[in-house]
Amino acid sequence: MYYKSANSWLKHWDFILLDLVMLQMAYILAFGLRNGGRNPYADPVYLRTGIVLCLADICVVFFTEGYRGILRRGYFQEFKAVAFHAAAVICTMLAYLFLTQEGHAFSRLVFIYFTAFSVLLLYTGRISWRMYLLKHKRVYYSKRSVLVMTTSDRVSQVLDTILHNTYNELYIEGVVLLDRDDLVGQQIAGVEVVCTGKKILDYIQNRWIDSVMINVDKNTRLPEAFVRECLQMGLTVHQELDTMFDSVGSQRVERFGGYSVLSTAMRLASSRQIFFKRFMDLCGGIVGCILTAILCVVLGPAIYIASPGPIFFSQIRVGQNGRRFRIYKFRSMYMDAEQRKKELMDKNEMSQFMFKVEADPRIIGSGPDGTRRGLGWFIRKTSLDEFPQFWNVLKGDMSLVGTRPPTVDEWEKYDHHHRGRMAMKPGITGLWQVSGRNEITDFEDVVRLDTEYIQTWSIGLDLRILFKTVWVVVMGVGAK
């Protein structure tokens, strides 16, 4: 899935925080200038209005596109944007004072001072921070990894345009030249030519690549099957408008790397959808971490007594589009579980892409034949082992709802279309998990369910899966 963020306010959280601070400073200065340096928050009316000020600013940010192109705007355009932002916040505050009938207790002179200070401080803060970012080529949001496909006569211009129009928000994984196989391994403008056009899908397979940028002339025709395979792998394809052709998936024309492109992906998500999903993850992650801390008190000693060693199990897993991260669980297996896994491969009920054994002797408390009993089976049956993953959710490695994150060795065996199931952040639960995960033994069915989830994703679908997860866990449906 492609998170549409090129024109989104959400990625400019640094400017959002800066504006909040500047508005509060303007509010304090305005009140202090009118009242001899007193603290506005000591007065109940001004305290409530100060809180409304923060909420008003957040609402203005959310319902407008005030940060669109903030790194590219000129000084006068920035001043107009600041004036509009300040006016919207002030009008919201005035509406609050009118509706609550507290306007009589609020000094008009404070409002005049606040208006002047807010415009001055917002403008100064934004310009100063923007100059710092541009000087140091820094951005404070997640980079996206892109692979560039072009031809030798265009490559220098394409790379130069991308590098000088994205302010370090893109990481160029490499470049593929469709007309010069002999340049593989060499560098152009500091970017390596990584493979030939015929081997691009194999190169993408096990690497962190979020999208492919295609920039070729009108006479260079790419097969539509290539775009289809990229979509199956979960990649977003950005086509410079000269190279447009019909394809499947969701499409949108946008600016990318300094070019007008047609972006095609399994699913296009708006900035507001991303915001609400992340907001759900943060709320769920906080609550989940608190519950995990409580469970540690109970499960920690029990796990250690049953099998001396760490109470947590951690492992490198593969996340969205190939990102590596460390996942955490309560340990439900003996310490040598990973070593003994090789001995049980011939009993694997799934394909080579996943591992599951009906009677797993590695689980704490199991009999030699894997008889299901003891602490380990209880932890797994009740899904208590999953709770530490709320920390992964809070960090942003995972989401509450998503797809199952594969191990590195599973990931390296994936076929091209399997990669598509990792187009979203992996989740603690997901469509596959609530569809009777232990009754599904064909990995292609897992891929089908995960792909269906990504293509039909919505906040409503996430909520339905979360509610169904609670039901499945409580009733023990599909748990073994």
Foldseek 3Di string as FASTA:
>chain_A
DDEPPLLALVQVVVLLVQLLVQLVVLLQVLVCVVPVNDGLCVDVVSVVLNVLLNVQLVVLNVPDSLCGCLLPDDLVVNLVSQLVSLVSSLVSSVVVCVVVVVVVVDDPSSVVSSSVSSSVSSSVSSVVVSVVLLVVLDGDGAAAEEEEEEAPVCVQVLVVLLVVPPSNRYHYQAYEHAPCQPQAQPDDPNGGHDGYPVCVLVVLQQAQHAEYEYDYALVDADDQVVVVLCQLLLHKYWYQVRHDDDHDADWDFDDHSNGTTIIGHLDYDYPVQVVVQLVVLQVQLVVLVVVLVVVCVVQVVVVCVLENDGQKDWAWFAAASNDIDIAIWGDFFHPCLVVCQVVCPVQALAPLLDGDHPQRPRGRPADPRSHQDDDSLVCQLLVRRLSSRSVVSNVPQAGQEAAATGHSVSSNPDDSSLSSLRSHTHHSYYQCNLVQVLVDRYVVVSSVRSSVCVNPPGVVVVVVRVVSVVVCSVVSRNTD
